[in-house]
């Protein structure tokens, strides 16, 4: 096996390793690349007096949603 062919094989192997490591880091780390910090919550109330559609949602005085 020539030197240039060996370098090519090693380069491809390293590239596949780096891509695999990145993929596993995202999947096992449960990272969300796009829209990861959003989720939808549904709730049913007997009475919703005083609530308006599109009103802000606050927890301990901090706005956390709409």
PDB file of N, CA and C in Angstrom:
ATOM      1  N   UNK A   1       0.863  -1.175   0.000  1.00  0.00           N
ATOM      2  CA  UNK A   1       0.000   0.000   0.000  1.00  0.00           C
ATOM      3  C   UNK A   1       0.902   1.229   0.000  1.00  0.00           C
ATOM      4  N   UNK A   2       0.683   2.117  -0.949  1.00  0.00           N
ATOM      5  CA  UNK A   2       1.500   3.321  -1.057  1.00  0.00           C
ATOM      6  C   UNK A   2       1.215   4.295   0.071  1.00  0.00           C
ATOM      7  N   UNK A   3       2.151   5.237   0.254  1.00  0.00           N
ATOM      8  CA  UNK A   3       2.017   6.220   1.334  1.00  0.00           C
ATOM      9  C   UNK A   3       0.775   7.089   1.152  1.00  0.00           C
ATOM     10  N   UNK A   4       0.497   7.518  -0.074  1.00  0.00           N
ATOM     11  CA  UNK A   4      -0.659   8.386  -0.299  1.00  0.00           C
ATOM     12  C   UNK A   4      -1.975   7.638  -0.072  1.00  0.00           C
ATOM     13  N   UNK A   5      -2.030   6.364  -0.439  1.00  0.00           N
ATOM     14  CA  UNK A   5      -3.249   5.585  -0.212  1.00  0.00           C
ATOM     15  C   UNK A   5      -3.463   5.356   1.282  1.00  0.00           C
ATOM     16  N   UNK A   6      -2.387   5.107   2.017  1.00  0.00           N
ATOM     17  CA  UNK A   6      -2.476   4.930   3.466  1.00  0.00           C
ATOM     18  C   UNK A   6      -2.971   6.214   4.127  1.00  0.00           C
ATOM     19  N   UNK A   7      -2.454   7.357   3.691  1.00  0.00           N
ATOM     20  CA  UNK A   7      -2.900   8.639   4.241  1.00  0.00           C
ATOM     21  C   UNK A   7      -4.378   8.883   3.954  1.00  0.00           C
ATOM     22  N   UNK A   8      -4.832   8.493   2.787  1.00  0.00           N
ATOM     23  CA  UNK A   8      -6.243   8.643   2.436  1.00  0.00           C
ATOM     24  C   UNK A   8      -7.120   7.778   3.334  1.00  0.00           C
ATOM     25  N   UNK A   9      -6.725   6.533   3.548  1.00  0.00           N
ATOM     26  CA  UNK A   9      -7.503   5.622   4.399  1.00  0.00           C
ATOM     27  C   UNK A   9      -7.549   6.151   5.829  1.00  0.00           C
ATOM     28  N   UNK A  10      -6.419   6.606   6.342  1.00  0.00           N
ATOM     29  CA  UNK A  10      -6.380   7.154   7.703  1.00  0.00           C
ATOM     30  C   UNK A  10      -7.242   8.411   7.788  1.00  0.00           C
ATOM     31  N   UNK A  11      -7.175   9.275   6.794  1.00  0.00           N
ATOM     32  CA  UNK A  11      -7.984  10.496   6.793  1.00  0.00           C
ATOM     33  C   UNK A  11      -9.471  10.211   6.791  1.00  0.00           C
ATOM     34  N   UNK A  12      -9.900   9.250   5.978  1.00  0.00           N
ATOM     35  CA  UNK A  12     -11.321   8.875   5.937  1.00  0.00           C
ATOM     36  C   UNK A  12     -11.741   8.288   7.278  1.00  0.00           C
ATOM     37  N   UNK A  13     -10.903   7.451   7.863  1.00  0.00           N
ATOM     38  CA  UNK A  13     -11.218   6.834   9.155  1.00  0.00           C
ATOM     39  C   UNK A  13     -11.363   7.899  10.242  1.00  0.00           C
ATOM     40  N   UNK A  14     -10.456   8.868  10.263  1.00  0.00           N
ATOM     41  CA  UNK A  14     -10.528   9.949  11.251  1.00  0.00           C
ATOM     42  C   UNK A  14     -11.779  10.794  11.024  1.00  0.00           C
ATOM     43  N   UNK A  15     -12.105  11.094   9.783  1.00  0.00           N
ATOM     44  CA  UNK A  15     -13.295  11.884   9.467  1.00  0.00           C
ATOM     45  C   UNK A  15     -14.568  11.174   9.915  1.00  0.00           C
ATOM     46  N   UNK A  16     -14.663   9.880   9.647  1.00  0.00           N
ATOM     47  CA  UNK A  16     -15.827   9.101  10.087  1.00  0.00           C
ATOM     48  C   UNK A  16     -15.903   9.093  11.612  1.00  0.00           C
ATOM     49  N   UNK A  17     -14.775   8.989  12.279  1.00  0.00           N
ATOM     50  CA  UNK A  17     -14.751   9.015  13.743  1.00  0.00           C
ATOM     51  C   UNK A  17     -15.236  10.334  14.311  1.00  0.00           C
ATOM     52  N   UNK A  18     -14.802  11.436  13.720  1.00  0.00           N
ATOM     53  CA  UNK A  18     -15.222  12.756  14.197  1.00  0.00           C
ATOM     54  C   UNK A  18     -16.716  12.968  13.969  1.00  0.00           C
ATOM     55  N   UNK A  19     -17.211  12.575  12.814  1.00  0.00           N
ATOM     56  CA  UNK A  19     -18.646  12.701  12.527  1.00  0.00           C
ATOM     57  C   UNK A  19     -19.456  11.830  13.480  1.00  0.00           C
ATOM     58  N   UNK A  20     -18.999  10.616  13.733  1.00  0.00           N
ATOM     59  CA  UNK A  20     -19.700   9.720  14.659  1.00  0.00           C
ATOM     60  C   UNK A  20     -19.708  10.285  16.072  1.00  0.00           C
ATOM     61  N   UNK A  21     -18.602  10.839  16.508  1.00  0.00           N
ATOM     62  CA  UNK A  21     -18.522  11.433  17.840  1.00  0.00           C
ATOM     63  C   UNK A  21     -19.486  12.608  17.973  1.00  0.00           C
ATOM     64  N   UNK A  22     -19.560  13.457  16.956  1.00  0.00           N
ATOM     65  CA  UNK A  22     -20.502  14.576  16.986  1.00  0.00           C
ATOM     66  C   UNK A  22     -21.943  14.114  17.038  1.00  0.00           C
ATOM     67  N   UNK A  23     -22.273  13.113  16.222  1.00  0.00           N
ATOM     68  CA  UNK A  23     -23.641  12.583  16.202  1.00  0.00           C
ATOM     69  C   UNK A  23     -24.015  11.988  17.559  1.00  0.00           C
ATOM     70  N   UNK A  24     -23.137  11.186  18.121  1.00  0.00           N
ATOM     71  CA  UNK A  24     -23.428  10.567  19.413  1.00  0.00           C
ATOM     72  C   UNK A  24     -23.500  11.600  20.528  1.00  0.00           C
ATOM     73  N   UNK A  25     -22.697  12.640  20.458  1.00  0.00           N
ATOM     74  CA  UNK A  25     -22.755  13.696  21.468  1.00  0.00           C
ATOM     75  C   UNK A  25     -24.113  14.377  21.468  1.00  0.00           C
ATOM     76  N   UNK A  26     -24.650  14.609  20.279  1.00  0.00           N
ATOM     77  CA  UNK A  26     -25.960  15.250  20.175  1.00  0.00           C
ATOM     78  C   UNK A  26     -27.057  14.304  20.642  1.00  0.00           C
ATOM     79  N   UNK A  27     -27.031  13.054  20.198  1.00  0.00           N
ATOM     80  CA  UNK A  27     -28.094  12.107  20.540  1.00  0.00           C
ATOM     81  C   UNK A  27     -28.052  11.691  22.005  1.00  0.00           C
ATOM     82  N   UNK A  28     -26.894  11.339  22.516  1.00  0.00           N
ATOM     83  CA  UNK A  28     -26.801  10.881  23.897  1.00  0.00           C
ATOM     84  C   UNK A  28     -26.894  12.035  24.886  1.00  0.00           C
ATOM     85  N   UNK A  29     -26.459  13.212  24.474  1.00  0.00           N
ATOM     86  CA  UNK A  29     -26.559  14.388  25.328  1.00  0.00           C
ATOM     87  C   UNK A  29     -27.932  15.018  25.274  1.00  0.00           C
ATOM     88  N   UNK A  30     -28.797  14.487  24.428  1.00  0.00           N
ATOM     89  CA  UNK A  30     -30.163  14.973  24.249  1.00  0.00           C
ATOM     90  C   UNK A  30     -30.187  16.462  23.938  1.00  0.00           C
ATOM     91  N   UNK A  31     -29.258  16.901  23.099  1.00  0.00           N
ATOM     92  CA  UNK A  31     -29.219  18.293  22.675  1.00  0.00           C
ATOM     93  C   UNK A  31     -30.217  18.508  21.556  1.00  0.00           C
ATOM     94  N   UNK A  32     -30.904  19.619  21.612  1.00  0.00           N
ATOM     95  CA  UNK A  32     -31.824  19.991  20.550  1.00  0.00           C
ATOM     96  C   UNK A  32     -31.194  21.131  19.777  1.00  0.00           C
ATOM     97  N   UNK A  33     -30.964  20.920  18.508  1.00  0.00           N
ATOM     98  CA  UNK A  33     -30.309  21.938  17.698  1.00  0.00           C
ATOM     99  C   UNK A  33     -31.293  23.034  17.292  1.00  0.00           C
ATOM    100  N   UNK A  34     -32.482  22.655  16.857  1.00  0.00           N
ATOM    101  CA  UNK A  34     -33.472  23.619  16.385  1.00  0.00           C
ATOM    102  C   UNK A  34     -34.716  23.527  17.264  1.00  0.00           C
ATOM    103  N   UNK A  35     -35.088  24.634  17.922  1.00  0.00           N
ATOM    104  CA  UNK A  35     -36.317  24.674  18.703  1.00  0.00           C
ATOM    105  C   UNK A  35     -36.299  23.803  19.939  1.00  0.00           C
ATOM    106  N   UNK A  36     -35.167  23.647  20.549  1.00  0.00           N
ATOM    107  CA  UNK A  36     -35.051  22.749  21.684  1.00  0.00           C
ATOM    108  C   UNK A  36     -35.623  23.286  22.979  1.00  0.00           C
ATOM    109  N   UNK A  37     -35.772  24.597  23.105  1.00  0.00           N
ATOM    110  CA  UNK A  37     -36.231  25.157  24.361  1.00  0.00           C
ATOM    111  C   UNK A  37     -37.727  25.477  24.358  1.00  0.00           C
ATOM    112  N   UNK A  38     -38.465  24.914  23.429  1.00  0.00           N
ATOM    113  CA  UNK A  38     -39.901  25.156  23.345  1.00  0.00           C
ATOM    114  C   UNK A  38     -40.675  23.871  23.580  1.00  0.00           C
ATOM    115  N   UNK A  39     -41.791  23.991  24.277  1.00  0.00           N
ATOM    116  CA  UNK A  39     -42.695  22.867  24.431  1.00  0.00           C
ATOM    117  C   UNK A  39     -44.095  23.405  24.683  1.00  0.00           C
ATOM    118  N   UNK A  40     -45.078  22.606  24.383  1.00  0.00           N
ATOM    119  CA  UNK A  40     -46.470  23.014  24.509  1.00  0.00           C
ATOM    120  C   UNK A  40     -47.093  22.321  25.711  1.00  0.00           C
ATOM    121  N   UNK A  41     -47.895  23.085  26.463  1.00  0.00           N
ATOM    122  CA  UNK A  41     -48.581  22.554  27.640  1.00  0.00           C
ATOM    123  C   UNK A  41     -50.072  22.790  27.459  1.00  0.00           C
ATOM    124  N   UNK A  42     -50.874  21.758  27.658  1.00  0.00           N
ATOM    125  CA  UNK A  42     -52.331  21.870  27.625  1.00  0.00           C
ATOM    126  C   UNK A  42     -52.870  21.694  29.040  1.00  0.00           C
ATOM    127  N   UNK A  43     -53.877  22.497  29.387  1.00  0.00           N
ATOM    128  CA  UNK A  43     -54.475  22.402  30.716  1.00  0.00           C
ATOM    129  C   UNK A  43     -55.974  22.653  30.610  1.00  0.00           C
ATOM    130  N   UNK A  44     -56.731  21.991  31.448  1.00  0.00           N
ATOM    131  CA  UNK A  44     -58.181  22.185  31.536  1.00  0.00           C
ATOM    132  C   UNK A  44     -58.513  22.747  32.914  1.00  0.00           C
ATOM    133  N   UNK A  45     -59.327  23.818  32.931  1.00  0.00           N
ATOM    134  CA  UNK A  45     -59.723  24.454  34.175  1.00  0.00           C
ATOM    135  C   UNK A  45     -61.241  24.488  34.257  1.00  0.00           C
ATOM    136  N   UNK A  46     -61.769  24.392  35.472  1.00  0.00           N
ATOM    137  CA  UNK A  46     -63.209  24.539  35.678  1.00  0.00           C
ATOM    138  C   UNK A  46     -63.639  25.977  35.418  1.00  0.00           C
ATOM    139  N   UNK A  47     -62.811  26.922  35.828  1.00  0.00           N
ATOM    140  CA  UNK A  47     -63.106  28.331  35.625  1.00  0.00           C
ATOM    141  C   UNK A  47     -61.832  29.031  35.159  1.00  0.00           C
ATOM    142  N   UNK A  48     -61.971  29.838  34.122  1.00  0.00           N
ATOM    143  CA  UNK A  48     -60.823  30.589  33.609  1.00  0.00           C
ATOM    144  C   UNK A  48     -61.137  32.077  33.604  1.00  0.00           C
ATOM    145  N   UNK A  49     -61.875  32.522  34.608  1.00  0.00           N
ATOM    146  CA  UNK A  49     -62.236  33.935  34.659  1.00  0.00           C
ATOM    147  C   UNK A  49     -60.975  34.776  34.874  1.00  0.00           C
ATOM    148  N   UNK A  50     -60.896  35.861  34.151  1.00  0.00           N
ATOM    149  CA  UNK A  50     -59.736  36.738  34.256  1.00  0.00           C
ATOM    150  C   UNK A  50     -58.621  36.396  33.285  1.00  0.00           C
ATOM    151  N   UNK A  51     -58.726  35.262  32.630  1.00  0.00           N
ATOM    152  CA  UNK A  51     -57.704  34.891  31.648  1.00  0.00           C
ATOM    153  C   UNK A  51     -58.139  35.329  30.261  1.00  0.00           C
ATOM    154  N   UNK A  52     -57.182  35.800  29.488  1.00  0.00           N
ATOM    155  CA  UNK A  52     -57.458  36.206  28.116  1.00  0.00           C
ATOM    156  C   UNK A  52     -56.543  35.432  27.179  1.00  0.00           C
ATOM    157  N   UNK A  53     -57.018  35.203  25.981  1.00  0.00           N
ATOM    158  CA  UNK A  53     -56.209  34.516  24.980  1.00  0.00           C
ATOM    159  C   UNK A  53     -54.967  35.339  24.655  1.00  0.00           C
ATOM    160  N   UNK A  54     -53.806  34.705  24.698  1.00  0.00           N
ATOM    161  CA  UNK A  54     -52.554  35.383  24.390  1.00  0.00           C
ATOM    162  C   UNK A  54     -51.922  36.100  25.568  1.00  0.00           C
ATOM    163  N   UNK A  55     -52.506  35.978  26.765  1.00  0.00           N
ATOM    164  CA  UNK A  55     -51.949  36.632  27.945  1.00  0.00           C
ATOM    165  C   UNK A  55     -50.614  35.986  28.323  1.00  0.00           C
ATOM    166  N   UNK A  56     -49.755  36.764  28.977  1.00  0.00           N
ATOM    167  CA  UNK A  56     -48.456  36.234  29.388  1.00  0.00           C
ATOM    168  C   UNK A  56     -48.616  35.258  30.547  1.00  0.00           C
ATOM    169  N   UNK A  57     -47.694  34.317  30.618  1.00  0.00           N
ATOM    170  CA  UNK A  57     -47.659  33.343  31.705  1.00  0.00           C
ATOM    171  C   UNK A  57     -46.430  33.658  32.537  1.00  0.00           C
ATOM    172  N   UNK A  58     -46.624  33.793  33.841  1.00  0.00           N
ATOM    173  CA  UNK A  58     -45.518  34.141  34.728  1.00  0.00           C
ATOM    174  C   UNK A  58     -45.377  33.113  35.829  1.00  0.00           C
ATOM    175  N   UNK A  59     -44.133  32.851  36.189  1.00  0.00           N
ATOM    176  CA  UNK A  59     -43.825  32.011  37.347  1.00  0.00           C
ATOM    177  C   UNK A  59     -42.910  32.834  38.239  1.00  0.00           C
ATOM    178  N   UNK A  60     -43.331  33.066  39.459  1.00  0.00           N
ATOM    179  CA  UNK A  60     -42.582  33.876  40.423  1.00  0.00           C
ATOM    180  C   UNK A  60     -42.252  35.253  39.847  1.00  0.00           C
ATOM    181  N   UNK A  61     -43.182  35.820  39.087  1.00  0.00           N
ATOM    182  CA  UNK A  61     -43.011  37.153  38.536  1.00  0.00           C
ATOM    183  C   UNK A  61     -42.168  37.238  37.278  1.00  0.00           C
ATOM    184  N   UNK A  62     -41.715  36.096  36.771  1.00  0.00           N
ATOM    185  CA  UNK A  62     -40.889  36.067  35.562  1.00  0.00           C
ATOM    186  C   UNK A  62     -41.714  35.513  34.416  1.00  0.00           C
ATOM    187  N   UNK A  63     -41.767  36.246  33.301  1.00  0.00           N
ATOM    188  CA  UNK A  63     -42.531  35.789  32.145  1.00  0.00           C
ATOM    189  C   UNK A  63     -41.862  34.557  31.543  1.00  0.00           C
ATOM    190  N   UNK A  64     -42.657  33.478  31.388  1.00  0.00           N
ATOM    191  CA  UNK A  64     -42.124  32.226  30.842  1.00  0.00           C
ATOM    192  C   UNK A  64     -42.856  31.784  29.586  1.00  0.00           C
ATOM    193  N   UNK A  65     -43.874  32.525  29.184  1.00  0.00           N
ATOM    194  CA  UNK A  65     -44.596  32.126  27.977  1.00  0.00           C
ATOM    195  C   UNK A  65     -45.784  33.008  27.707  1.00  0.00           C
ATOM    196  N   UNK A  66     -46.568  32.577  26.709  1.00  0.00           N
ATOM    197  CA  UNK A  66     -47.809  33.261  26.315  1.00  0.00           C
ATOM    198  C   UNK A  66     -48.893  32.245  26.144  1.00  0.00           C
TER     199      UNK A  66
END
